[in-house]
Amino acid sequence: MQRLFPTSATPMRCSELRRHASVAIHAFRGTGPLSLNRPTHIMRHCIAICFVTLLAFLVSAAEPRPSNAVVPQSGQTREHILAAIEKIKGYGIIEWTETSHWGRRIFVVWYCPFSGRAAVYAHAYYFDDKEWHLFWDRLLDGTHKLSVELPADKDVLRCRGADGSVVHTEPLDNVPKFYDKKHLEQK
C-alpha cells in the first residue's frame, strides 16, 4: 500500500505543503490575501472601470468635425447643400431655415456635433438666382439651438440662442441683394 504523504518527508516540505493548503483554504473562504472577494479589490476594479468608461465618453464627446471636412461653397439647391453637410456633420441632427428680406434670400444650416457642450456649427448661404453661395461659416459657443432673424431696422443676420440671447450678429454688407442684381440686369 502506498501512502499519500511519505514518512520520509523533510520538515521543509511539510511546511511548504501547509502554506499551500492555508492559501487554498483562505482563497476558498474568500478571506485570504489573494482573494478577489474582498470588498477593497472589488471596489478598486469598479472604480477603475468607471474611470476608463468616463474618460472614453469625454474624449468622444469633445470631438470636433473631421479636419478634412469641407463645407460646400455653393450648391444648386438646398437639398444638395444639406446632403453634403450630412456627410461631414458627425453626431447630431441638421437644422435649417430660409428667410427672405429686402431682396435677399438667406439659408442658414446648423448642427450640434457635441455631447455635453453647448456649441453649434452654423453655415449661411445667399441665393443669386442660380445657386446658393456660402458667405458665413462659424462655430458658435453658448447654445445648442439657434433662431435666425433678419431684423427690419438693421442690415444684419442675427442668431439667437435657446434662451433668446443674441449669440452672433453677422453684417450683410458683402451679401448681394437679389432684387438689385436682377433690377440692374433689366436696365
Protein backbone atom coordinates (compact mmCIF):
# COMPACT_ATOMS: atom_id res chain seq x y z
CA MET A 1 0.00 0.00 0.00
CA GLN A 2 1.36 3.39 -0.95
CA ARG A 3 1.00 6.35 1.31
CA LEU A 4 -0.09 9.72 0.02
CA PHE A 5 2.44 11.50 2.21
CA PRO A 6 5.67 9.65 2.59
CA THR A 7 7.05 9.43 6.12
CA SER A 8 10.47 10.43 4.91
CA ALA A 9 9.29 13.96 4.07
CA THR A 10 11.51 16.63 5.49
CA PRO A 11 10.06 19.37 7.74
CA MET A 12 10.69 21.89 4.93
CA ARG A 13 8.39 20.04 2.61
CA CYS A 14 5.67 19.75 5.23
CA SER A 15 5.72 23.47 6.00
CA GLU A 16 5.53 24.20 2.30
CA LEU A 17 2.51 21.92 1.96
CA ARG A 18 0.88 23.58 4.99
CA ARG A 19 1.41 27.00 3.48
CA HIS A 20 -0.14 25.99 0.15
CA ALA A 21 -3.07 24.36 1.93
CA SER A 22 -3.60 27.50 4.01
CA VAL A 23 -3.62 29.71 0.92
CA ALA A 24 -6.10 27.36 -0.80
CA ILE A 25 -8.42 27.36 2.24
CA HIS A 26 -8.32 31.16 2.56
CA ALA A 27 -8.99 31.58 -1.15
CA PHE A 28 -11.92 29.19 -0.92
CA ARG A 29 -13.36 31.10 2.06
CA GLY A 30 -12.70 34.46 0.43
CA THR A 31 -10.59 35.73 3.31
CA GLY A 32 -7.02 35.27 2.12
CA PRO A 33 -4.58 37.83 0.72
CA LEU A 34 -5.07 36.56 -2.86
CA SER A 35 -8.85 36.57 -2.74
CA LEU A 36 -10.78 38.79 -5.16
CA ASN A 37 -13.84 38.55 -2.96
CA ARG A 38 -12.53 41.20 -0.62
CA PRO A 39 -14.56 44.43 -0.87
CA THR A 40 -11.48 46.59 -1.43
CA HIS A 41 -10.44 44.61 -4.51
CA ILE A 42 -13.93 44.73 -5.98
CA MET A 43 -14.23 48.48 -5.36
CA ARG A 44 -10.83 49.13 -6.92
CA HIS A 45 -11.85 47.27 -10.07
CA CYS A 46 -15.24 49.03 -10.25
CA ILE A 47 -13.68 52.46 -9.80
CA ALA A 48 -11.05 51.75 -12.45
CA ILE A 49 -13.67 50.52 -14.94
CA CYS A 50 -15.90 53.55 -14.27
CA PHE A 51 -12.97 55.93 -14.70
CA VAL A 52 -11.90 54.41 -18.02
CA THR A 53 -15.51 54.45 -19.29
CA LEU A 54 -15.97 58.10 -18.28
CA LEU A 55 -12.69 59.05 -19.93
CA ALA A 56 -13.75 57.35 -23.17
CA PHE A 57 -17.06 59.24 -23.20
CA LEU A 58 -15.37 62.58 -22.52
CA VAL A 59 -12.88 62.08 -25.33
CA SER A 60 -15.58 61.09 -27.82
CA ALA A 61 -17.86 63.98 -26.76
CA ALA A 62 -15.19 66.60 -27.38
CA GLU A 63 -14.54 65.60 -30.98
CA PRO A 64 -14.82 68.45 -33.46
CA ARG A 65 -15.80 67.81 -37.05
CA PRO A 66 -13.13 66.00 -39.07
CA SER A 67 -10.24 68.15 -40.25
CA ASN A 68 -10.79 67.03 -43.84
CA ALA A 69 -14.48 68.06 -43.68
CA VAL A 70 -15.18 70.73 -46.25
CA VAL A 71 -18.39 72.71 -46.14
CA PRO A 72 -19.82 73.14 -49.64
CA GLN A 73 -19.06 76.61 -51.01
CA SER A 74 -22.12 76.56 -53.26
CA GLY A 75 -25.00 74.35 -54.33
CA GLN A 76 -27.77 74.29 -56.90
CA THR A 77 -30.47 73.53 -54.33
CA ARG A 78 -30.89 73.41 -50.57
CA GLU A 79 -31.09 69.62 -50.80
CA HIS A 80 -27.60 69.43 -52.38
CA ILE A 81 -26.15 71.53 -49.56
CA LEU A 82 -27.98 69.56 -46.86
CA ALA A 83 -26.80 66.25 -48.34
CA ALA A 84 -23.17 67.46 -48.40
CA ILE A 85 -23.34 68.71 -44.81
CA GLU A 86 -24.98 65.46 -43.68
CA LYS A 87 -21.80 63.63 -44.73
CA ILE A 88 -19.48 65.81 -42.60
CA LYS A 89 -21.57 66.70 -39.56
CA GLY A 90 -20.81 63.67 -37.37
CA TYR A 91 -23.03 63.46 -34.29
CA GLY A 92 -26.29 65.42 -34.12
CA ILE A 93 -29.11 66.41 -36.44
CA ILE A 94 -29.13 69.14 -39.04
CA GLU A 95 -31.50 72.06 -38.60
CA TRP A 96 -32.05 74.82 -41.13
CA THR A 97 -34.16 77.81 -42.01
CA GLU A 98 -34.63 80.01 -45.03
CA THR A 99 -35.62 83.64 -44.79
CA SER A 100 -36.06 86.50 -47.22
CA HIS A 101 -35.98 90.23 -46.55
CA TRP A 102 -35.15 93.36 -48.56
CA GLY A 103 -34.30 91.43 -51.69
CA ARG A 104 -32.07 88.86 -50.01
CA ARG A 105 -32.72 85.15 -49.70
CA ILE A 106 -30.71 83.66 -46.84
CA PHE A 107 -30.43 79.96 -46.00
CA VAL A 108 -28.84 79.03 -42.63
CA VAL A 109 -27.84 75.49 -41.63
CA TRP A 110 -26.66 74.50 -38.15
CA TYR A 111 -25.95 71.35 -36.15
CA CYS A 112 -24.56 70.50 -32.71
CA PRO A 113 -22.00 67.68 -33.10
CA PHE A 114 -21.12 67.71 -29.40
CA SER A 115 -22.48 65.83 -26.43
CA GLY A 116 -22.32 67.88 -23.28
CA ARG A 117 -21.11 71.09 -24.91
CA ALA A 118 -23.36 73.97 -25.91
CA ALA A 119 -21.97 74.86 -29.33
CA VAL A 120 -23.19 74.66 -32.93
CA TYR A 121 -21.57 74.85 -36.34
CA ALA A 122 -23.50 77.35 -38.46
CA HIS A 123 -23.27 77.94 -42.22
CA ALA A 124 -25.15 80.71 -44.06
CA TYR A 125 -25.79 80.87 -47.80
CA TYR A 126 -27.31 83.52 -50.06
CA PHE A 127 -29.16 82.91 -53.33
CA ASP A 128 -28.17 84.70 -56.55
CA ASP A 129 -30.98 83.47 -58.86
CA LYS A 130 -28.91 80.46 -59.94
CA GLU A 131 -27.44 78.80 -56.87
CA TRP A 132 -26.69 79.16 -53.17
CA HIS A 133 -23.29 80.59 -52.12
CA LEU A 134 -21.62 80.29 -48.71
CA PHE A 135 -20.86 83.63 -47.05
CA TRP A 136 -20.56 82.68 -43.39
CA ASP A 137 -19.16 79.58 -41.65
CA ARG A 138 -18.59 79.62 -37.91
CA LEU A 139 -18.62 77.67 -34.63
CA LEU A 140 -20.94 79.42 -32.17
CA ASP A 141 -20.38 78.70 -28.48
CA GLY A 142 -23.00 79.11 -25.78
CA THR A 143 -26.03 77.43 -27.34
CA HIS A 144 -27.23 74.14 -28.75
CA LYS A 145 -30.19 75.64 -30.70
CA LEU A 146 -30.44 78.66 -33.00
CA SER A 147 -33.09 81.10 -34.04
CA VAL A 148 -32.21 83.19 -37.11
CA GLU A 149 -33.69 86.57 -37.99
CA LEU A 150 -33.20 89.44 -40.41
CA PRO A 151 -34.31 92.49 -38.41
CA ALA A 152 -36.08 95.32 -40.27
CA ASP A 153 -34.06 98.11 -38.63
CA LYS A 154 -30.55 96.80 -39.45
CA ASP A 155 -28.84 95.09 -42.37
CA VAL A 156 -27.60 92.10 -40.35
CA LEU A 157 -28.20 88.42 -39.80
CA ARG A 158 -28.87 87.85 -36.11
CA CYS A 159 -28.61 84.46 -34.38
CA ARG A 160 -30.27 83.89 -31.02
CA GLY A 161 -29.61 81.01 -28.66
CA ALA A 162 -32.08 78.69 -26.97
CA ASP A 163 -32.59 81.20 -24.14
CA GLY A 164 -33.30 84.10 -26.55
CA SER A 165 -30.00 85.91 -26.08
CA VAL A 166 -28.07 87.10 -29.14
CA VAL A 167 -25.25 84.66 -29.85
CA HIS A 168 -23.91 86.25 -33.04
CA THR A 169 -24.63 89.14 -35.39
CA GLU A 170 -23.28 88.99 -38.92
CA PRO A 171 -23.33 92.15 -41.11
CA LEU A 172 -24.76 91.61 -44.58
CA ASP A 173 -22.69 94.30 -46.33
CA ASN A 174 -20.93 91.76 -48.58
CA VAL A 175 -24.07 89.79 -49.43
CA PRO A 176 -25.55 90.98 -52.72
CA LYS A 177 -29.24 91.78 -52.89
CA PHE A 178 -31.07 89.57 -55.32
CA TYR A 179 -33.52 92.35 -56.21
CA ASP A 180 -30.76 94.87 -57.00
CA LYS A 181 -28.87 92.40 -59.18
CA LYS A 182 -32.00 91.43 -61.13
CA HIS A 183 -33.07 95.07 -61.47
CA LEU A 184 -29.65 96.11 -62.82
CA GLU A 185 -29.70 93.30 -65.39
CA GLN A 186 -33.05 94.53 -66.77
CA LYS A 187 -31.75 98.07 -67.44
